[in-house]
Amino acid sequence: MNSPDEMVFRTRTGTPLSSKNLYNRVLAPACDRIKQPRISWHSFRHTHATLLAEVGESIKTAQSLWGHSDLGTTLNTYAHAIPDSQRRAVERVAGVLFSDVLKLEDGAETGQIN
């Protein structure tokens, strides 16, 4: 950084924000107000990487955004499976494997199962 004007977040006096002060003054009280467990700033990294995958962005995009030199770090540490995504994946595979059976159960087709 060449000057305080180049900082994304800074104090009123132009100094860098302290993550500890911001946590104690903003994040922790916000969690307390909504009666949710306190989370760390680092949790947002995990959430962001997971949501990138959930919305269909490539894991390489997440790797680039987070500055990881190793794709394994992004995959194995930051990207997590979301239960709804897991259920949808199983339902999609079942739809492919059992499409003829499911069509018969729905009454959409009659006749022999291929």
N, C-alpha and C. Protein backbone atom coordinates (compact mmCIF):
# COMPACT_ATOMS: atom_id res chain seq x y z
N MET A 1 0.84 -1.18 0.00
CA MET A 1 0.00 0.00 0.00
C MET A 1 0.89 1.24 0.00
N ASN A 2 0.58 2.14 -0.89
CA ASN A 2 1.32 3.38 -0.95
C ASN A 2 0.71 4.47 -0.09
N SER A 3 -0.63 4.44 0.06
CA SER A 3 -1.28 5.47 0.87
C SER A 3 -2.56 4.92 1.48
N PRO A 4 -3.05 5.55 2.55
CA PRO A 4 -4.30 5.09 3.17
C PRO A 4 -5.48 5.14 2.21
N ASP A 5 -5.42 6.02 1.19
CA ASP A 5 -6.51 6.11 0.23
C ASP A 5 -6.67 4.84 -0.60
N GLU A 6 -5.63 4.01 -0.66
CA GLU A 6 -5.68 2.78 -1.43
C GLU A 6 -6.30 1.62 -0.65
N MET A 7 -6.54 1.80 0.64
CA MET A 7 -7.13 0.74 1.46
C MET A 7 -8.62 0.61 1.16
N VAL A 8 -9.09 -0.61 1.14
CA VAL A 8 -10.51 -0.84 0.93
C VAL A 8 -11.27 -0.45 2.20
N PHE A 9 -10.77 -0.88 3.34
CA PHE A 9 -11.39 -0.57 4.61
C PHE A 9 -10.35 0.09 5.50
N ARG A 10 -10.74 1.19 6.13
CA ARG A 10 -9.82 1.89 7.02
C ARG A 10 -10.62 2.61 8.09
N THR A 11 -9.92 3.02 9.12
CA THR A 11 -10.57 3.78 10.19
C THR A 11 -10.80 5.21 9.72
N ARG A 12 -11.49 5.98 10.55
CA ARG A 12 -11.73 7.39 10.21
C ARG A 12 -10.43 8.17 10.10
N THR A 13 -9.41 7.71 10.82
CA THR A 13 -8.12 8.42 10.77
C THR A 13 -7.22 7.92 9.66
N GLY A 14 -7.71 6.94 8.87
CA GLY A 14 -6.94 6.46 7.73
C GLY A 14 -6.03 5.28 8.02
N THR A 15 -6.10 4.73 9.22
CA THR A 15 -5.26 3.58 9.55
C THR A 15 -6.00 2.29 9.20
N PRO A 16 -5.26 1.19 9.02
CA PRO A 16 -5.94 -0.08 8.70
C PRO A 16 -6.86 -0.51 9.84
N LEU A 17 -7.98 -1.12 9.48
CA LEU A 17 -8.88 -1.66 10.50
C LEU A 17 -8.22 -2.82 11.22
N SER A 18 -8.49 -2.93 12.48
CA SER A 18 -8.02 -4.07 13.27
C SER A 18 -9.10 -5.14 13.23
N SER A 19 -8.77 -6.31 12.72
CA SER A 19 -9.77 -7.37 12.63
C SER A 19 -10.26 -7.77 14.03
N LYS A 20 -9.40 -7.70 15.02
CA LYS A 20 -9.79 -8.05 16.38
C LYS A 20 -10.80 -7.03 16.93
N ASN A 21 -10.52 -5.75 16.73
CA ASN A 21 -11.46 -4.72 17.18
C ASN A 21 -12.79 -4.83 16.44
N LEU A 22 -12.72 -5.05 15.14
CA LEU A 22 -13.94 -5.16 14.35
C LEU A 22 -14.76 -6.37 14.79
N TYR A 23 -14.08 -7.46 15.11
CA TYR A 23 -14.77 -8.65 15.60
C TYR A 23 -15.47 -8.33 16.92
N ASN A 24 -14.72 -7.76 17.85
CA ASN A 24 -15.27 -7.49 19.18
C ASN A 24 -16.37 -6.43 19.17
N ARG A 25 -16.27 -5.47 18.29
CA ARG A 25 -17.23 -4.36 18.27
C ARG A 25 -18.41 -4.58 17.33
N VAL A 26 -18.23 -5.41 16.29
CA VAL A 26 -19.28 -5.55 15.28
C VAL A 26 -19.77 -6.99 15.13
N LEU A 27 -18.87 -7.90 14.75
CA LEU A 27 -19.31 -9.25 14.40
C LEU A 27 -19.86 -10.03 15.60
N ALA A 28 -19.12 -10.07 16.69
CA ALA A 28 -19.59 -10.83 17.86
C ALA A 28 -20.91 -10.28 18.39
N PRO A 29 -21.04 -8.95 18.56
CA PRO A 29 -22.34 -8.43 19.02
C PRO A 29 -23.49 -8.73 18.04
N ALA A 30 -23.20 -8.72 16.75
CA ALA A 30 -24.24 -9.03 15.76
C ALA A 30 -24.70 -10.48 15.94
N CYS A 31 -23.77 -11.39 16.12
CA CYS A 31 -24.13 -12.80 16.35
C CYS A 31 -24.95 -12.93 17.63
N ASP A 32 -24.55 -12.22 18.67
CA ASP A 32 -25.28 -12.26 19.94
C ASP A 32 -26.70 -11.73 19.77
N ARG A 33 -26.85 -10.63 19.03
CA ARG A 33 -28.17 -10.02 18.83
C ARG A 33 -29.13 -10.98 18.15
N ILE A 34 -28.65 -11.72 17.18
CA ILE A 34 -29.54 -12.64 16.45
C ILE A 34 -29.52 -14.05 17.04
N LYS A 35 -28.90 -14.16 18.22
CA LYS A 35 -28.87 -15.42 18.97
C LYS A 35 -28.31 -16.58 18.15
N GLN A 36 -27.19 -16.30 17.47
CA GLN A 36 -26.49 -17.31 16.70
C GLN A 36 -25.09 -17.48 17.29
N PRO A 37 -24.48 -18.63 17.07
CA PRO A 37 -23.12 -18.82 17.58
C PRO A 37 -22.18 -17.79 16.98
N ARG A 38 -21.21 -17.39 17.77
CA ARG A 38 -20.19 -16.47 17.25
C ARG A 38 -19.33 -17.21 16.24
N ILE A 39 -19.05 -16.55 15.14
CA ILE A 39 -18.21 -17.14 14.11
C ILE A 39 -16.98 -16.26 13.92
N SER A 40 -15.98 -16.82 13.31
CA SER A 40 -14.76 -16.06 13.07
C SER A 40 -14.81 -15.45 11.67
N TRP A 41 -13.93 -14.48 11.44
CA TRP A 41 -13.82 -13.90 10.10
C TRP A 41 -13.41 -14.99 9.10
N HIS A 42 -12.63 -15.94 9.57
CA HIS A 42 -12.15 -17.01 8.69
C HIS A 42 -13.32 -17.85 8.16
N SER A 43 -14.40 -17.93 8.92
CA SER A 43 -15.57 -18.70 8.48
C SER A 43 -16.12 -18.17 7.17
N PHE A 44 -15.96 -16.86 6.94
CA PHE A 44 -16.46 -16.28 5.70
C PHE A 44 -15.69 -16.80 4.48
N ARG A 45 -14.42 -17.15 4.66
CA ARG A 45 -13.64 -17.74 3.56
C ARG A 45 -14.25 -19.08 3.16
N HIS A 46 -14.55 -19.89 4.17
CA HIS A 46 -15.15 -21.20 3.91
C HIS A 46 -16.51 -21.04 3.25
N THR A 47 -17.31 -20.12 3.76
CA THR A 47 -18.65 -19.90 3.21
C THR A 47 -18.57 -19.43 1.76
N HIS A 48 -17.68 -18.50 1.49
CA HIS A 48 -17.56 -17.98 0.13
C HIS A 48 -17.14 -19.07 -0.85
N ALA A 49 -16.14 -19.84 -0.49
CA ALA A 49 -15.67 -20.91 -1.38
C ALA A 49 -16.78 -21.94 -1.61
N THR A 50 -17.51 -22.28 -0.57
CA THR A 50 -18.60 -23.24 -0.68
C THR A 50 -19.72 -22.71 -1.57
N LEU A 51 -20.08 -21.45 -1.38
CA LEU A 51 -21.15 -20.87 -2.19
C LEU A 51 -20.74 -20.69 -3.65
N LEU A 52 -19.47 -20.41 -3.89
CA LEU A 52 -19.00 -20.35 -5.28
C LEU A 52 -19.27 -21.68 -5.98
N ALA A 53 -18.94 -22.77 -5.30
CA ALA A 53 -19.18 -24.10 -5.88
C ALA A 53 -20.67 -24.34 -6.04
N GLU A 54 -21.46 -23.93 -5.07
CA GLU A 54 -22.91 -24.14 -5.10
C GLU A 54 -23.58 -23.43 -6.28
N VAL A 55 -23.08 -22.25 -6.64
CA VAL A 55 -23.69 -21.52 -7.75
C VAL A 55 -23.08 -21.91 -9.10
N GLY A 56 -22.19 -22.90 -9.09
CA GLY A 56 -21.67 -23.44 -10.33
C GLY A 56 -20.36 -22.85 -10.83
N GLU A 57 -19.72 -22.03 -10.02
CA GLU A 57 -18.41 -21.52 -10.43
C GLU A 57 -17.39 -22.64 -10.35
N SER A 58 -16.40 -22.58 -11.19
CA SER A 58 -15.38 -23.63 -11.17
C SER A 58 -14.52 -23.49 -9.92
N ILE A 59 -13.99 -24.62 -9.50
CA ILE A 59 -13.12 -24.60 -8.32
C ILE A 59 -11.83 -23.82 -8.62
N LYS A 60 -11.47 -23.76 -9.90
CA LYS A 60 -10.31 -22.96 -10.30
C LYS A 60 -10.57 -21.47 -10.06
N THR A 61 -11.81 -21.04 -10.24
CA THR A 61 -12.16 -19.65 -9.95
C THR A 61 -11.99 -19.36 -8.47
N ALA A 62 -12.49 -20.26 -7.63
CA ALA A 62 -12.33 -20.09 -6.19
C ALA A 62 -10.85 -20.08 -5.81
N GLN A 63 -10.08 -20.98 -6.40
CA GLN A 63 -8.64 -21.03 -6.13
C GLN A 63 -7.99 -19.70 -6.45
N SER A 64 -8.33 -19.14 -7.58
CA SER A 64 -7.77 -17.86 -8.00
C SER A 64 -8.19 -16.72 -7.07
N LEU A 65 -9.48 -16.69 -6.72
CA LEU A 65 -9.97 -15.63 -5.84
C LEU A 65 -9.31 -15.66 -4.47
N TRP A 66 -9.04 -16.86 -3.98
CA TRP A 66 -8.46 -17.00 -2.65
C TRP A 66 -6.94 -17.00 -2.66
N GLY A 67 -6.35 -17.04 -3.84
CA GLY A 67 -4.90 -16.95 -3.93
C GLY A 67 -4.17 -18.22 -3.51
N HIS A 68 -4.84 -19.36 -3.62
CA HIS A 68 -4.20 -20.62 -3.27
C HIS A 68 -3.32 -21.10 -4.42
N SER A 69 -2.10 -21.49 -4.11
CA SER A 69 -1.23 -22.02 -5.16
C SER A 69 -1.59 -23.47 -5.47
N ASP A 70 -2.20 -24.16 -4.52
CA ASP A 70 -2.54 -25.57 -4.67
C ASP A 70 -4.06 -25.73 -4.69
N LEU A 71 -4.60 -26.32 -5.74
CA LEU A 71 -6.03 -26.54 -5.85
C LEU A 71 -6.55 -27.40 -4.70
N GLY A 72 -5.72 -28.30 -4.22
CA GLY A 72 -6.12 -29.17 -3.11
C GLY A 72 -6.49 -28.39 -1.86
N THR A 73 -5.82 -27.28 -1.62
CA THR A 73 -6.15 -26.45 -0.46
C THR A 73 -7.57 -25.93 -0.59
N THR A 74 -7.91 -25.45 -1.76
CA THR A 74 -9.26 -24.93 -1.99
C THR A 74 -10.29 -26.04 -1.84
N LEU A 75 -10.04 -27.18 -2.47
CA LEU A 75 -10.99 -28.29 -2.44
C LEU A 75 -11.12 -28.93 -1.06
N ASN A 76 -9.99 -29.23 -0.45
CA ASN A 76 -10.00 -30.02 0.78
C ASN A 76 -10.18 -29.21 2.05
N THR A 77 -9.91 -27.92 1.99
CA THR A 77 -10.00 -27.12 3.20
C THR A 77 -11.17 -26.16 3.18
N TYR A 78 -11.44 -25.54 2.04
CA TYR A 78 -12.41 -24.45 2.01
C TYR A 78 -13.76 -24.78 1.41
N ALA A 79 -13.82 -25.62 0.41
CA ALA A 79 -15.09 -25.95 -0.23
C ALA A 79 -15.74 -27.12 0.51
N HIS A 80 -16.96 -26.91 0.94
CA HIS A 80 -17.69 -27.93 1.71
C HIS A 80 -18.95 -28.32 0.96
N ALA A 81 -19.39 -29.55 1.20
CA ALA A 81 -20.64 -30.02 0.59
C ALA A 81 -21.82 -29.45 1.36
N ILE A 82 -22.82 -29.03 0.64
CA ILE A 82 -24.05 -28.52 1.24
C ILE A 82 -25.08 -29.65 1.16
N PRO A 83 -25.75 -29.97 2.29
CA PRO A 83 -26.69 -31.10 2.28
C PRO A 83 -27.72 -31.05 1.16
N ASP A 84 -28.29 -29.90 0.87
CA ASP A 84 -29.27 -29.82 -0.22
C ASP A 84 -28.64 -30.19 -1.56
N SER A 85 -27.40 -29.80 -1.76
CA SER A 85 -26.69 -30.14 -3.00
C SER A 85 -26.46 -31.63 -3.10
N GLN A 86 -26.13 -32.24 -1.98
CA GLN A 86 -25.91 -33.68 -1.96
C GLN A 86 -27.21 -34.40 -2.30
N ARG A 87 -28.31 -33.96 -1.74
CA ARG A 87 -29.60 -34.59 -2.02
C ARG A 87 -29.97 -34.44 -3.49
N ARG A 88 -29.76 -33.23 -4.05
CA ARG A 88 -30.08 -33.02 -5.47
C ARG A 88 -29.22 -33.91 -6.36
N ALA A 89 -27.95 -34.07 -5.99
CA ALA A 89 -27.05 -34.91 -6.79
C ALA A 89 -27.54 -36.36 -6.80
N VAL A 90 -27.94 -36.86 -5.63
CA VAL A 90 -28.44 -38.24 -5.54
C VAL A 90 -29.73 -38.37 -6.35
N GLU A 91 -30.60 -37.37 -6.27
CA GLU A 91 -31.86 -37.42 -7.02
C GLU A 91 -31.61 -37.39 -8.53
N ARG A 92 -30.63 -36.63 -8.97
CA ARG A 92 -30.30 -36.58 -10.40
C ARG A 92 -29.80 -37.94 -10.90
N VAL A 93 -28.91 -38.55 -10.12
CA VAL A 93 -28.40 -39.87 -10.52
C VAL A 93 -29.53 -40.89 -10.51
N ALA A 94 -30.38 -40.85 -9.51
CA ALA A 94 -31.52 -41.77 -9.47
C ALA A 94 -32.43 -41.55 -10.66
N GLY A 95 -32.61 -40.30 -11.06
CA GLY A 95 -33.43 -40.00 -12.23
C GLY A 95 -32.87 -40.61 -13.50
N VAL A 96 -31.55 -40.62 -13.61
CA VAL A 96 -30.92 -41.22 -14.79
C VAL A 96 -31.03 -42.74 -14.72
N LEU A 97 -30.72 -43.32 -13.57
CA LEU A 97 -30.72 -44.78 -13.45
C LEU A 97 -32.10 -45.39 -13.51
N PHE A 98 -33.07 -44.69 -12.95
CA PHE A 98 -34.40 -45.26 -12.81
C PHE A 98 -35.47 -44.47 -13.55
N SER A 99 -35.09 -43.79 -14.61
CA SER A 99 -36.05 -42.93 -15.32
C SER A 99 -37.26 -43.71 -15.83
N ASP A 100 -37.04 -44.92 -16.34
CA ASP A 100 -38.17 -45.71 -16.84
C ASP A 100 -39.10 -46.12 -15.70
N VAL A 101 -38.54 -46.51 -14.58
CA VAL A 101 -39.35 -46.92 -13.43
C VAL A 101 -40.13 -45.73 -12.91
N LEU A 102 -39.47 -44.58 -12.81
CA LEU A 102 -40.14 -43.39 -12.30
C LEU A 102 -41.27 -42.95 -13.22
N LYS A 103 -41.09 -43.09 -14.54
CA LYS A 103 -42.14 -42.73 -15.49
C LYS A 103 -43.36 -43.63 -15.29
N LEU A 104 -43.11 -44.93 -15.06
CA LEU A 104 -44.22 -45.86 -14.84
C LEU A 104 -44.97 -45.54 -13.55
N GLU A 105 -44.23 -45.19 -12.50
CA GLU A 105 -44.86 -44.86 -11.23
C GLU A 105 -45.73 -43.61 -11.36
N ASP A 106 -45.30 -42.66 -12.16
CA ASP A 106 -46.05 -41.42 -12.36
C ASP A 106 -47.23 -41.62 -13.30
N GLY A 107 -47.32 -42.79 -13.95
CA GLY A 107 -48.39 -43.03 -14.90
C GLY A 107 -48.18 -42.31 -16.22
N ALA A 108 -46.98 -41.83 -16.44
CA ALA A 108 -46.71 -41.08 -17.66
C ALA A 108 -46.60 -42.00 -18.86
N GLU A 109 -46.20 -43.23 -18.63
CA GLU A 109 -46.07 -44.19 -19.74
C GLU A 109 -46.61 -45.52 -19.31
N THR A 110 -47.02 -46.29 -20.26
CA THR A 110 -47.41 -47.68 -19.98
C THR A 110 -46.62 -48.56 -20.94
N GLY A 111 -46.51 -49.76 -20.58
CA GLY A 111 -45.77 -50.68 -21.45
C GLY A 111 -44.58 -51.25 -20.70
N GLN A 112 -43.68 -51.79 -21.48
CA GLN A 112 -42.55 -52.47 -20.87
C GLN A 112 -41.47 -51.48 -20.46
N ILE A 113 -40.73 -51.90 -19.46
CA ILE A 113 -39.57 -51.12 -19.03
C ILE A 113 -38.41 -51.50 -19.93
N ASN A 114 -37.75 -50.53 -20.49
CA ASN A 114 -36.61 -50.80 -21.38
C ASN A 114 -35.40 -51.20 -20.59
